[in-house]
Amino acid sequence: DKAAEILKAQGAEIVHINLPHTKYALPTYYVIAPAEASSNLARYDGVRYGNRVNGNGLDELYINTRTEGFGKEVKRRILIGTYVLSAGYYDAYYLKAQKVRRLIKNDFNEALKKCDVILTPTSPIEPFAIGDKKMLENPINMYLNDVFTVSVNLAGLPAMSLPIGLSKNGLPLGMQLIGKSFDEATIFKAGYQLERGANFVRM
């Protein structure tokens, strides 16, 4: 509410919008993004393409090459992507996710007919500490922090995040501005007004 009031004080008109399919954005994103990553990384076999990490035999060469440099979370996402693209699961997961992606994009396009930019929080909670065990032990906790940003990625729209204040613990809180395709200039203008009105001091 604070960010909306800041923009209103700067001359903006506040309009409420509805994005009914964004509630499906997280599961949709975590089907499509890992599938695309898995597909893109499949060519890095160390034989025809990419860095080679030798091993005792061809199997070990492939395993070493495909796993070097990837952390636990990246490996998890690549495996999810490979799974949803595999025979028997492609229609059930990937194809359905692409259909939902289209619905999400349509929601944003309709909403942006009523306004120039959309204002949302960047994250539902304040930033968590690097290496936070609660986040690392249960990746769903980490994924939930993306709830406001993944829908924008799925819709293929430009967006920016700005710090507008501090939490009770002194950590920065951000707001996200989302705009129409190829209209970054409007986002920058709105962002400038929000930044000016919030008067956020650098940490």
N, C-alpha and C. Protein backbone atom coordinates (compact mmCIF):
# COMPACT_ATOMS: atom_id res chain seq x y z
N ASP A 1 0.82 -1.21 0.00
CA ASP A 1 0.00 0.00 0.00
C ASP A 1 0.86 1.27 0.00
N LYS A 2 2.00 1.19 0.72
CA LYS A 2 2.88 2.36 0.81
C LYS A 2 3.37 2.77 -0.58
N ALA A 3 3.79 1.79 -1.37
CA ALA A 3 4.32 2.08 -2.71
C ALA A 3 3.24 2.68 -3.60
N ALA A 4 2.02 2.15 -3.52
CA ALA A 4 0.91 2.68 -4.32
C ALA A 4 0.61 4.12 -3.92
N GLU A 5 0.67 4.40 -2.61
CA GLU A 5 0.43 5.76 -2.12
C GLU A 5 1.51 6.72 -2.60
N ILE A 6 2.75 6.22 -2.65
CA ILE A 6 3.86 7.06 -3.14
C ILE A 6 3.61 7.44 -4.59
N LEU A 7 3.24 6.46 -5.41
CA LEU A 7 2.98 6.73 -6.83
C LEU A 7 1.77 7.65 -7.01
N LYS A 8 0.76 7.46 -6.16
CA LYS A 8 -0.43 8.31 -6.21
C LYS A 8 -0.06 9.76 -5.90
N ALA A 9 0.80 9.93 -4.91
CA ALA A 9 1.25 11.27 -4.54
C ALA A 9 2.08 11.92 -5.65
N GLN A 10 2.68 11.08 -6.50
CA GLN A 10 3.48 11.58 -7.63
C GLN A 10 2.61 11.81 -8.87
N GLY A 11 1.29 11.59 -8.74
CA GLY A 11 0.37 11.88 -9.84
C GLY A 11 -0.21 10.67 -10.55
N ALA A 12 0.12 9.47 -10.09
CA ALA A 12 -0.40 8.26 -10.74
C ALA A 12 -1.85 8.00 -10.32
N GLU A 13 -2.59 7.38 -11.20
CA GLU A 13 -3.95 6.93 -10.88
C GLU A 13 -3.88 5.44 -10.57
N ILE A 14 -4.42 5.03 -9.43
CA ILE A 14 -4.35 3.63 -9.00
C ILE A 14 -5.58 2.89 -9.53
N VAL A 15 -5.35 1.79 -10.24
CA VAL A 15 -6.42 0.96 -10.80
C VAL A 15 -6.19 -0.47 -10.32
N HIS A 16 -7.23 -1.12 -9.82
CA HIS A 16 -7.10 -2.51 -9.38
C HIS A 16 -7.34 -3.44 -10.57
N ILE A 17 -6.50 -4.47 -10.66
CA ILE A 17 -6.59 -5.41 -11.78
C ILE A 17 -6.76 -6.83 -11.26
N ASN A 18 -7.07 -7.73 -12.17
CA ASN A 18 -7.25 -9.14 -11.81
C ASN A 18 -6.35 -9.99 -12.70
N LEU A 19 -5.57 -10.87 -12.09
CA LEU A 19 -4.69 -11.80 -12.81
C LEU A 19 -5.03 -13.22 -12.33
N PRO A 20 -6.16 -13.77 -12.80
CA PRO A 20 -6.67 -15.02 -12.23
C PRO A 20 -5.77 -16.25 -12.38
N HIS A 21 -4.96 -16.30 -13.41
CA HIS A 21 -4.16 -17.52 -13.63
C HIS A 21 -2.77 -17.47 -13.01
N THR A 22 -2.41 -16.33 -12.40
CA THR A 22 -1.07 -16.25 -11.81
C THR A 22 -0.91 -17.19 -10.61
N LYS A 23 -2.01 -17.66 -10.05
CA LYS A 23 -1.90 -18.62 -8.94
C LYS A 23 -1.27 -19.93 -9.41
N TYR A 24 -1.26 -20.16 -10.72
CA TYR A 24 -0.63 -21.36 -11.27
C TYR A 24 0.79 -21.10 -11.76
N ALA A 25 1.29 -19.89 -11.54
CA ALA A 25 2.59 -19.51 -12.11
C ALA A 25 3.75 -20.34 -11.57
N LEU A 26 3.79 -20.56 -10.25
CA LEU A 26 4.93 -21.30 -9.69
C LEU A 26 5.06 -22.70 -10.26
N PRO A 27 4.01 -23.54 -10.18
CA PRO A 27 4.17 -24.88 -10.75
C PRO A 27 4.43 -24.86 -12.26
N THR A 28 3.83 -23.89 -12.96
CA THR A 28 4.05 -23.78 -14.40
C THR A 28 5.51 -23.45 -14.70
N TYR A 29 6.03 -22.47 -13.97
CA TYR A 29 7.42 -22.06 -14.17
C TYR A 29 8.38 -23.20 -13.87
N TYR A 30 8.11 -23.92 -12.78
CA TYR A 30 9.03 -24.99 -12.38
C TYR A 30 8.83 -26.28 -13.16
N VAL A 31 8.00 -26.23 -14.18
CA VAL A 31 7.97 -27.28 -15.21
C VAL A 31 8.71 -26.76 -16.44
N ILE A 32 8.37 -25.55 -16.88
CA ILE A 32 8.93 -25.02 -18.13
C ILE A 32 10.41 -24.67 -18.02
N ALA A 33 10.80 -23.93 -16.98
CA ALA A 33 12.20 -23.48 -16.87
C ALA A 33 13.18 -24.65 -16.76
N PRO A 34 12.93 -25.63 -15.89
CA PRO A 34 13.85 -26.78 -15.85
C PRO A 34 13.87 -27.57 -17.16
N ALA A 35 12.72 -27.67 -17.83
CA ALA A 35 12.68 -28.38 -19.12
C ALA A 35 13.56 -27.67 -20.14
N GLU A 36 13.47 -26.34 -20.18
CA GLU A 36 14.30 -25.59 -21.13
C GLU A 36 15.77 -25.69 -20.78
N ALA A 37 16.09 -25.64 -19.47
CA ALA A 37 17.49 -25.77 -19.05
C ALA A 37 18.03 -27.15 -19.40
N SER A 38 17.24 -28.17 -19.12
CA SER A 38 17.66 -29.55 -19.43
C SER A 38 17.90 -29.72 -20.93
N SER A 39 17.01 -29.19 -21.73
CA SER A 39 17.13 -29.29 -23.18
C SER A 39 18.38 -28.57 -23.69
N ASN A 40 18.62 -27.37 -23.16
CA ASN A 40 19.79 -26.58 -23.59
C ASN A 40 21.10 -27.21 -23.15
N LEU A 41 21.12 -27.80 -21.96
CA LEU A 41 22.36 -28.36 -21.43
C LEU A 41 22.66 -29.76 -21.95
N ALA A 42 21.71 -30.38 -22.63
CA ALA A 42 21.89 -31.75 -23.13
C ALA A 42 23.06 -31.85 -24.11
N ARG A 43 23.35 -30.78 -24.82
CA ARG A 43 24.42 -30.82 -25.83
C ARG A 43 25.82 -30.84 -25.21
N TYR A 44 25.94 -30.46 -23.93
CA TYR A 44 27.25 -30.42 -23.27
C TYR A 44 27.66 -31.84 -22.85
N ASP A 45 28.12 -32.61 -23.81
CA ASP A 45 28.48 -34.00 -23.53
C ASP A 45 29.99 -34.20 -23.38
N GLY A 46 30.78 -33.17 -23.64
CA GLY A 46 32.22 -33.29 -23.51
C GLY A 46 32.89 -34.00 -24.67
N VAL A 47 32.10 -34.47 -25.61
CA VAL A 47 32.65 -35.17 -26.77
C VAL A 47 32.52 -34.25 -27.99
N ARG A 48 31.28 -33.91 -28.32
CA ARG A 48 31.05 -33.03 -29.47
C ARG A 48 30.99 -31.56 -29.07
N TYR A 49 30.64 -31.29 -27.80
CA TYR A 49 30.40 -29.91 -27.41
C TYR A 49 30.72 -29.73 -25.93
N GLY A 50 31.30 -28.60 -25.59
CA GLY A 50 31.52 -28.26 -24.20
C GLY A 50 32.81 -28.81 -23.61
N ASN A 51 33.03 -28.45 -22.37
CA ASN A 51 34.22 -28.86 -21.62
C ASN A 51 34.20 -30.36 -21.34
N ARG A 52 35.36 -30.99 -21.38
CA ARG A 52 35.45 -32.43 -21.11
C ARG A 52 36.16 -32.66 -19.78
N VAL A 53 35.56 -33.50 -18.94
CA VAL A 53 36.19 -33.94 -17.70
C VAL A 53 36.40 -35.44 -17.83
N ASN A 54 37.65 -35.85 -17.93
CA ASN A 54 37.97 -37.26 -18.19
C ASN A 54 37.58 -38.16 -17.03
N GLY A 55 37.43 -39.42 -17.35
CA GLY A 55 37.12 -40.44 -16.35
C GLY A 55 37.57 -41.79 -16.86
N ASN A 56 37.37 -42.83 -16.06
CA ASN A 56 37.72 -44.19 -16.45
C ASN A 56 36.57 -44.77 -17.27
N GLY A 57 36.62 -44.58 -18.55
CA GLY A 57 35.57 -45.09 -19.43
C GLY A 57 34.60 -44.00 -19.84
N LEU A 58 33.78 -44.34 -20.84
CA LEU A 58 32.84 -43.38 -21.42
C LEU A 58 31.75 -42.95 -20.44
N ASP A 59 31.21 -43.92 -19.66
CA ASP A 59 30.16 -43.59 -18.69
C ASP A 59 30.65 -42.55 -17.69
N GLU A 60 31.83 -42.77 -17.16
CA GLU A 60 32.38 -41.86 -16.15
C GLU A 60 32.68 -40.49 -16.77
N LEU A 61 33.15 -40.49 -18.02
CA LEU A 61 33.41 -39.22 -18.71
C LEU A 61 32.12 -38.41 -18.81
N TYR A 62 31.02 -39.07 -19.21
CA TYR A 62 29.73 -38.38 -19.31
C TYR A 62 29.26 -37.87 -17.94
N ILE A 63 29.35 -38.71 -16.94
CA ILE A 63 28.90 -38.32 -15.59
C ILE A 63 29.72 -37.14 -15.08
N ASN A 64 31.05 -37.23 -15.18
CA ASN A 64 31.91 -36.15 -14.70
C ASN A 64 31.67 -34.85 -15.46
N THR A 65 31.56 -34.96 -16.78
CA THR A 65 31.36 -33.78 -17.62
C THR A 65 30.03 -33.10 -17.34
N ARG A 66 28.98 -33.89 -17.20
CA ARG A 66 27.64 -33.32 -17.03
C ARG A 66 27.36 -32.83 -15.61
N THR A 67 28.17 -33.22 -14.65
CA THR A 67 27.90 -32.80 -13.27
C THR A 67 28.88 -31.76 -12.74
N GLU A 68 30.05 -31.61 -13.38
CA GLU A 68 31.03 -30.66 -12.87
C GLU A 68 30.49 -29.23 -12.96
N GLY A 69 30.66 -28.51 -11.90
CA GLY A 69 30.27 -27.10 -11.89
C GLY A 69 28.83 -26.84 -11.53
N PHE A 70 28.04 -27.89 -11.34
CA PHE A 70 26.63 -27.70 -10.97
C PHE A 70 26.43 -28.04 -9.50
N GLY A 71 25.74 -27.16 -8.79
CA GLY A 71 25.39 -27.42 -7.40
C GLY A 71 24.19 -28.35 -7.31
N LYS A 72 23.84 -28.68 -6.08
CA LYS A 72 22.74 -29.61 -5.82
C LYS A 72 21.41 -29.13 -6.41
N GLU A 73 21.12 -27.84 -6.24
CA GLU A 73 19.84 -27.29 -6.72
C GLU A 73 19.77 -27.29 -8.24
N VAL A 74 20.87 -26.96 -8.90
CA VAL A 74 20.89 -26.95 -10.37
C VAL A 74 20.68 -28.36 -10.89
N LYS A 75 21.35 -29.33 -10.28
CA LYS A 75 21.18 -30.73 -10.70
C LYS A 75 19.73 -31.17 -10.52
N ARG A 76 19.12 -30.76 -9.41
CA ARG A 76 17.72 -31.11 -9.16
C ARG A 76 16.82 -30.56 -10.27
N ARG A 77 17.06 -29.33 -10.66
CA ARG A 77 16.22 -28.70 -11.69
C ARG A 77 16.43 -29.35 -13.06
N ILE A 78 17.66 -29.71 -13.37
CA ILE A 78 17.94 -30.37 -14.65
C ILE A 78 17.23 -31.72 -14.69
N LEU A 79 17.26 -32.46 -13.58
CA LEU A 79 16.58 -33.76 -13.53
C LEU A 79 15.07 -33.60 -13.67
N ILE A 80 14.51 -32.58 -13.02
CA ILE A 80 13.07 -32.32 -13.17
C ILE A 80 12.75 -32.04 -14.64
N GLY A 81 13.59 -31.22 -15.27
CA GLY A 81 13.38 -30.88 -16.68
C GLY A 81 13.45 -32.09 -17.59
N THR A 82 14.41 -32.96 -17.35
CA THR A 82 14.55 -34.18 -18.14
C THR A 82 13.32 -35.06 -17.96
N TYR A 83 12.84 -35.13 -16.73
CA TYR A 83 11.66 -35.96 -16.41
C TYR A 83 10.42 -35.47 -17.15
N VAL A 84 10.15 -34.15 -17.08
CA VAL A 84 8.91 -33.64 -17.70
C VAL A 84 8.95 -33.68 -19.22
N LEU A 85 10.15 -33.77 -19.79
CA LEU A 85 10.26 -33.86 -21.25
C LEU A 85 10.28 -35.30 -21.75
N SER A 86 10.34 -36.25 -20.83
CA SER A 86 10.46 -37.65 -21.24
C SER A 86 9.14 -38.19 -21.78
N ALA A 87 9.24 -39.23 -22.58
CA ALA A 87 8.05 -39.86 -23.19
C ALA A 87 7.08 -40.28 -22.11
N GLY A 88 5.82 -40.01 -22.32
CA GLY A 88 4.80 -40.38 -21.35
C GLY A 88 4.47 -39.26 -20.38
N TYR A 89 5.39 -38.30 -20.20
CA TYR A 89 5.15 -37.19 -19.26
C TYR A 89 5.08 -35.84 -19.97
N TYR A 90 5.53 -35.80 -21.20
CA TYR A 90 5.56 -34.55 -21.97
C TYR A 90 4.16 -33.93 -22.05
N ASP A 91 3.17 -34.71 -22.47
CA ASP A 91 1.79 -34.20 -22.58
C ASP A 91 1.20 -33.86 -21.22
N ALA A 92 1.48 -34.70 -20.24
CA ALA A 92 0.89 -34.52 -18.91
C ALA A 92 1.43 -33.29 -18.19
N TYR A 93 2.69 -32.95 -18.41
CA TYR A 93 3.29 -31.83 -17.68
C TYR A 93 3.68 -30.66 -18.57
N TYR A 94 4.61 -30.89 -19.49
CA TYR A 94 5.17 -29.77 -20.27
C TYR A 94 4.12 -29.11 -21.16
N LEU A 95 3.36 -29.89 -21.88
CA LEU A 95 2.35 -29.33 -22.78
C LEU A 95 1.28 -28.57 -22.00
N LYS A 96 0.86 -29.12 -20.86
CA LYS A 96 -0.13 -28.44 -20.02
C LYS A 96 0.43 -27.12 -19.49
N ALA A 97 1.69 -27.17 -19.07
CA ALA A 97 2.33 -25.96 -18.54
C ALA A 97 2.40 -24.86 -19.60
N GLN A 98 2.66 -25.24 -20.84
CA GLN A 98 2.71 -24.25 -21.93
C GLN A 98 1.33 -23.62 -22.16
N LYS A 99 0.28 -24.40 -21.99
CA LYS A 99 -1.09 -23.87 -22.14
C LYS A 99 -1.40 -22.87 -21.02
N VAL A 100 -0.98 -23.21 -19.80
CA VAL A 100 -1.20 -22.30 -18.66
C VAL A 100 -0.37 -21.02 -18.85
N ARG A 101 0.84 -21.19 -19.37
CA ARG A 101 1.69 -20.02 -19.66
C ARG A 101 0.95 -19.03 -20.57
N ARG A 102 0.28 -19.54 -21.57
CA ARG A 102 -0.47 -18.69 -22.50
C ARG A 102 -1.59 -17.96 -21.76
N LEU A 103 -2.29 -18.65 -20.85
CA LEU A 103 -3.36 -18.01 -20.07
C LEU A 103 -2.81 -16.89 -19.19
N ILE A 104 -1.65 -17.13 -18.58
CA ILE A 104 -1.01 -16.12 -17.73
C ILE A 104 -0.65 -14.89 -18.58
N LYS A 105 -0.07 -15.13 -19.74
CA LYS A 105 0.30 -14.02 -20.64
C LYS A 105 -0.94 -13.22 -21.05
N ASN A 106 -2.03 -13.93 -21.36
CA ASN A 106 -3.28 -13.26 -21.74
C ASN A 106 -3.82 -12.39 -20.60
N ASP A 107 -3.72 -12.90 -19.35
CA ASP A 107 -4.16 -12.12 -18.18
C ASP A 107 -3.40 -10.80 -18.09
N PHE A 108 -2.07 -10.88 -18.24
CA PHE A 108 -1.26 -9.67 -18.18
C PHE A 108 -1.60 -8.70 -19.31
N ASN A 109 -1.77 -9.23 -20.51
CA ASN A 109 -2.10 -8.38 -21.66
C ASN A 109 -3.41 -7.64 -21.44
N GLU A 110 -4.41 -8.35 -20.88
CA GLU A 110 -5.70 -7.71 -20.58
C GLU A 110 -5.55 -6.65 -19.50
N ALA A 111 -4.80 -6.97 -18.45
CA ALA A 111 -4.60 -6.03 -17.34
C ALA A 111 -3.88 -4.77 -17.82
N LEU A 112 -2.90 -4.95 -18.70
CA LEU A 112 -2.11 -3.81 -19.17
C LEU A 112 -2.85 -2.94 -20.19
N LYS A 113 -4.07 -3.35 -20.56
CA LYS A 113 -4.93 -2.47 -21.36
C LYS A 113 -5.56 -1.40 -20.46
N LYS A 114 -5.60 -1.68 -19.14
CA LYS A 114 -6.23 -0.77 -18.19
C LYS A 114 -5.23 0.13 -17.48
N CYS A 115 -3.94 -0.20 -17.57
CA CYS A 115 -2.92 0.57 -16.85
C CYS A 115 -1.60 0.57 -17.62
N ASP A 116 -0.71 1.46 -17.21
CA ASP A 116 0.60 1.57 -17.87
C ASP A 116 1.62 0.61 -17.27
N VAL A 117 1.58 0.47 -15.94
CA VAL A 117 2.47 -0.47 -15.24
C VAL A 117 1.69 -1.17 -14.14
N ILE A 118 2.19 -2.32 -13.75
CA ILE A 118 1.60 -3.09 -12.64
C ILE A 118 2.60 -3.07 -11.50
N LEU A 119 2.10 -2.81 -10.30
CA LEU A 119 2.94 -2.75 -9.10
C LEU A 119 2.65 -3.95 -8.22
N THR A 120 3.69 -4.71 -7.88
CA THR A 120 3.55 -5.86 -6.97
C THR A 120 4.76 -5.91 -6.05
N PRO A 121 4.67 -6.64 -4.93
CA PRO A 121 5.89 -6.88 -4.16
C PRO A 121 6.86 -7.72 -5.00
N THR A 122 8.14 -7.64 -4.69
CA THR A 122 9.12 -8.48 -5.38
C THR A 122 9.14 -9.87 -4.76
N SER A 123 9.01 -9.91 -3.44
CA SER A 123 9.07 -11.18 -2.71
C SER A 123 8.07 -11.14 -1.56
N PRO A 124 7.52 -12.29 -1.16
CA PRO A 124 6.54 -12.29 -0.06
C PRO A 124 7.17 -12.10 1.32
N ILE A 125 8.48 -12.32 1.43
CA ILE A 125 9.16 -12.17 2.73
C ILE A 125 10.43 -11.35 2.54
N GLU A 126 11.02 -10.93 3.66
CA GLU A 126 12.29 -10.22 3.57
C GLU A 126 13.39 -11.19 3.14
N PRO A 127 14.53 -10.68 2.67
CA PRO A 127 15.60 -11.57 2.20
C PRO A 127 16.05 -12.54 3.28
N PHE A 128 16.35 -13.77 2.87
CA PHE A 128 16.87 -14.75 3.82
C PHE A 128 18.38 -14.78 3.74
N ALA A 129 19.01 -15.26 4.79
CA ALA A 129 20.47 -15.27 4.86
C ALA A 129 21.08 -16.26 3.87
N ILE A 130 22.26 -15.94 3.37
CA ILE A 130 22.99 -16.87 2.50
C ILE A 130 23.27 -18.13 3.31
N GLY A 131 22.96 -19.27 2.73
CA GLY A 131 23.19 -20.54 3.42
C GLY A 131 22.14 -20.88 4.47
N ASP A 132 21.01 -20.19 4.46
CA ASP A 132 19.91 -20.44 5.41
C ASP A 132 19.49 -21.91 5.32
N LYS A 133 19.67 -22.65 6.42
CA LYS A 133 19.40 -24.10 6.41
C LYS A 133 17.95 -24.42 6.10
N LYS A 134 17.04 -23.60 6.60
CA LYS A 134 15.61 -23.84 6.36
C LYS A 134 15.30 -23.80 4.87
N MET A 135 15.96 -22.89 4.16
CA MET A 135 15.75 -22.77 2.72
C MET A 135 16.43 -23.91 1.97
N LEU A 136 17.64 -24.26 2.40
CA LEU A 136 18.40 -25.30 1.70
C LEU A 136 17.82 -26.69 1.91
N GLU A 137 17.28 -26.95 3.10
CA GLU A 137 16.73 -28.28 3.40
C GLU A 137 15.42 -28.54 2.65
N ASN A 138 14.63 -27.49 2.46
CA ASN A 138 13.36 -27.65 1.76
C ASN A 138 13.30 -26.63 0.61
N PRO A 139 13.65 -27.08 -0.61
CA PRO A 139 13.70 -26.13 -1.73
C PRO A 139 12.38 -25.44 -2.03
N ILE A 140 11.26 -26.03 -1.58
CA ILE A 140 9.95 -25.40 -1.82
C ILE A 140 9.90 -24.03 -1.16
N ASN A 141 10.52 -23.91 0.04
CA ASN A 141 10.57 -22.60 0.71
C ASN A 141 11.26 -21.57 -0.18
N MET A 142 12.33 -22.00 -0.85
CA MET A 142 13.06 -21.10 -1.74
C MET A 142 12.22 -20.76 -2.97
N TYR A 143 11.55 -21.76 -3.53
CA TYR A 143 10.73 -21.54 -4.73
C TYR A 143 9.60 -20.55 -4.46
N LEU A 144 9.02 -20.62 -3.25
CA LEU A 144 7.89 -19.75 -2.91
C LEU A 144 8.27 -18.27 -2.93
N ASN A 145 9.56 -17.97 -2.76
CA ASN A 145 10.00 -16.58 -2.81
C ASN A 145 9.91 -15.99 -4.21
N ASP A 146 9.75 -16.86 -5.21
CA ASP A 146 9.65 -16.41 -6.60
C ASP A 146 8.21 -16.15 -7.04
N VAL A 147 7.27 -16.27 -6.12
CA VAL A 147 5.85 -16.26 -6.48
C VAL A 147 5.43 -15.00 -7.27
N PHE A 148 6.02 -13.85 -6.98
CA PHE A 148 5.62 -12.61 -7.66
C PHE A 148 6.42 -12.34 -8.93
N THR A 149 7.53 -13.03 -9.12
CA THR A 149 8.39 -12.72 -10.27
C THR A 149 8.28 -13.73 -11.41
N VAL A 150 7.98 -14.99 -11.11
CA VAL A 150 7.97 -16.00 -12.18
C VAL A 150 6.84 -15.78 -13.18
N SER A 151 5.72 -15.25 -12.74
CA SER A 151 4.61 -15.02 -13.68
C SER A 151 5.01 -14.01 -14.75
N VAL A 152 5.83 -13.03 -14.37
CA VAL A 152 6.30 -12.03 -15.32
C VAL A 152 7.24 -12.67 -16.34
N ASN A 153 8.10 -13.57 -15.85
CA ASN A 153 9.00 -14.29 -16.76
C ASN A 153 8.21 -15.15 -17.74
N LEU A 154 7.19 -15.82 -17.24
CA LEU A 154 6.36 -16.65 -18.11
C LEU A 154 5.65 -15.82 -19.18
N ALA A 155 5.22 -14.63 -18.80
CA ALA A 155 4.51 -13.75 -19.74
C ALA A 155 5.47 -13.05 -20.70
N GLY A 156 6.76 -13.10 -20.41
CA GLY A 156 7.75 -12.46 -21.28
C GLY A 156 7.69 -10.95 -21.26
N LEU A 157 7.37 -10.40 -20.09
CA LEU A 157 7.22 -8.95 -19.97
C LEU A 157 8.42 -8.32 -19.26
N PRO A 158 8.70 -7.05 -19.54
CA PRO A 158 9.78 -6.37 -18.83
C PRO A 158 9.33 -5.99 -17.42
N ALA A 159 10.26 -6.04 -16.48
CA ALA A 159 9.96 -5.68 -15.09
C ALA A 159 11.24 -5.20 -14.41
N MET A 160 11.07 -4.45 -13.34
CA MET A 160 12.22 -4.05 -12.54
C MET A 160 11.82 -4.05 -11.08
N SER A 161 12.80 -4.28 -10.22
CA SER A 161 12.57 -4.29 -8.78
C SER A 161 13.34 -3.14 -8.15
N LEU A 162 12.68 -2.45 -7.22
CA LEU A 162 13.31 -1.31 -6.54
C LEU A 162 13.19 -1.47 -5.04
N PRO A 163 14.25 -1.15 -4.29
CA PRO A 163 14.10 -1.13 -2.83
C PRO A 163 13.32 0.11 -2.43
N ILE A 164 12.33 -0.06 -1.55
CA ILE A 164 11.55 1.12 -1.15
C ILE A 164 11.55 1.34 0.36
N GLY A 165 12.15 0.43 1.09
CA GLY A 165 12.19 0.58 2.54
C GLY A 165 12.91 -0.58 3.19
N LEU A 166 12.91 -0.57 4.52
CA LEU A 166 13.58 -1.63 5.27
C LEU A 166 12.58 -2.38 6.14
N SER A 167 12.85 -3.66 6.35
CA SER A 167 12.02 -4.48 7.24
C SER A 167 12.36 -4.13 8.69
N LYS A 168 11.67 -4.76 9.63
CA LYS A 168 11.95 -4.55 11.05
C LYS A 168 13.37 -4.98 11.40
N ASN A 169 13.89 -5.92 10.61
CA ASN A 169 15.26 -6.41 10.84
C ASN A 169 16.30 -5.61 10.07
N GLY A 170 15.89 -4.54 9.42
CA GLY A 170 16.83 -3.69 8.71
C GLY A 170 17.24 -4.20 7.34
N LEU A 171 16.45 -5.12 6.78
CA LEU A 171 16.75 -5.67 5.46
C LEU A 171 15.90 -4.98 4.39
N PRO A 172 16.44 -4.81 3.18
CA PRO A 172 15.70 -4.08 2.14
C PRO A 172 14.46 -4.83 1.65
N LEU A 173 13.39 -4.10 1.43
CA LEU A 173 12.16 -4.64 0.87
C LEU A 173 11.94 -4.01 -0.50
N GLY A 174 11.57 -4.84 -1.47
CA GLY A 174 11.45 -4.34 -2.83
C GLY A 174 10.04 -4.40 -3.38
N MET A 175 9.78 -3.53 -4.32
CA MET A 175 8.55 -3.55 -5.09
C MET A 175 8.92 -3.73 -6.56
N GLN A 176 8.05 -4.41 -7.28
CA GLN A 176 8.29 -4.73 -8.68
C GLN A 176 7.34 -3.93 -9.57
N LEU A 177 7.87 -3.38 -10.63
CA LEU A 177 7.07 -2.69 -11.64
C LEU A 177 7.11 -3.52 -12.92
N ILE A 178 5.94 -3.83 -13.45
CA ILE A 178 5.82 -4.66 -14.66
C ILE A 178 5.20 -3.81 -15.75
N GLY A 179 5.73 -3.91 -16.95
CA GLY A 179 5.22 -3.10 -18.05
C GLY A 179 4.83 -3.90 -19.27
N LYS A 180 4.39 -3.18 -20.27
CA LYS A 180 4.01 -3.81 -21.55
C LYS A 180 5.26 -4.23 -22.32
N SER A 181 5.10 -5.16 -23.21
CA SER A 181 6.22 -5.61 -24.05
C SER A 181 6.86 -4.43 -24.77
N PHE A 182 8.17 -4.38 -24.73
CA PHE A 182 8.97 -3.36 -25.42
C PHE A 182 8.68 -1.93 -24.93
N ASP A 183 8.19 -1.82 -23.69
CA ASP A 183 7.90 -0.49 -23.14
C ASP A 183 8.66 -0.27 -21.83
N GLU A 184 9.95 -0.56 -21.87
CA GLU A 184 10.79 -0.38 -20.69
C GLU A 184 10.83 1.08 -20.25
N ALA A 185 10.71 2.00 -21.21
CA ALA A 185 10.79 3.43 -20.90
C ALA A 185 9.75 3.83 -19.85
N THR A 186 8.54 3.30 -19.97
CA THR A 186 7.48 3.62 -19.00
C THR A 186 7.82 3.06 -17.62
N ILE A 187 8.40 1.86 -17.59
CA ILE A 187 8.80 1.28 -16.30
C ILE A 187 9.87 2.15 -15.64
N PHE A 188 10.84 2.60 -16.43
CA PHE A 188 11.91 3.45 -15.88
C PHE A 188 11.34 4.75 -15.32
N LYS A 189 10.38 5.33 -16.03
CA LYS A 189 9.77 6.58 -15.56
C LYS A 189 9.02 6.36 -14.24
N ALA A 190 8.22 5.28 -14.19
CA ALA A 190 7.48 4.97 -12.97
C ALA A 190 8.45 4.62 -11.84
N GLY A 191 9.50 3.89 -12.18
CA GLY A 191 10.52 3.52 -11.19
C GLY A 191 11.21 4.74 -10.61
N TYR A 192 11.48 5.71 -11.46
CA TYR A 192 12.11 6.96 -11.01
C TYR A 192 11.20 7.67 -10.01
N GLN A 193 9.90 7.73 -10.33
CA GLN A 193 8.94 8.40 -9.44
C GLN A 193 8.83 7.66 -8.11
N LEU A 194 8.81 6.34 -8.17
CA LEU A 194 8.72 5.53 -6.95
C LEU A 194 9.97 5.71 -6.10
N GLU A 195 11.12 5.68 -6.74
CA GLU A 195 12.39 5.85 -6.04
C GLU A 195 12.48 7.23 -5.39
N ARG A 196 12.05 8.23 -6.13
CA ARG A 196 12.08 9.61 -5.61
C ARG A 196 11.14 9.77 -4.42
N GLY A 197 9.94 9.19 -4.55
CA GLY A 197 8.95 9.31 -3.48
C GLY A 197 9.31 8.51 -2.24
N ALA A 198 9.93 7.34 -2.44
CA ALA A 198 10.30 6.49 -1.30
C ALA A 198 11.50 7.06 -0.56
N ASN A 199 12.33 7.83 -1.28
CA ASN A 199 13.52 8.43 -0.69
C ASN A 199 14.36 7.39 0.04
N PHE A 200 14.54 6.25 -0.62
CA PHE A 200 15.30 5.15 -0.02
C PHE A 200 16.78 5.50 0.02
N VAL A 201 17.38 5.39 1.20
CA VAL A 201 18.80 5.70 1.37
C VAL A 201 19.60 4.43 1.12
N ARG A 202 20.70 4.55 0.42
CA ARG A 202 21.55 3.39 0.17
C ARG A 202 22.02 2.78 1.48
N MET A 203 22.16 1.47 1.48
CA MET A 203 22.60 0.78 2.71
C MET A 203 24.10 0.83 2.83
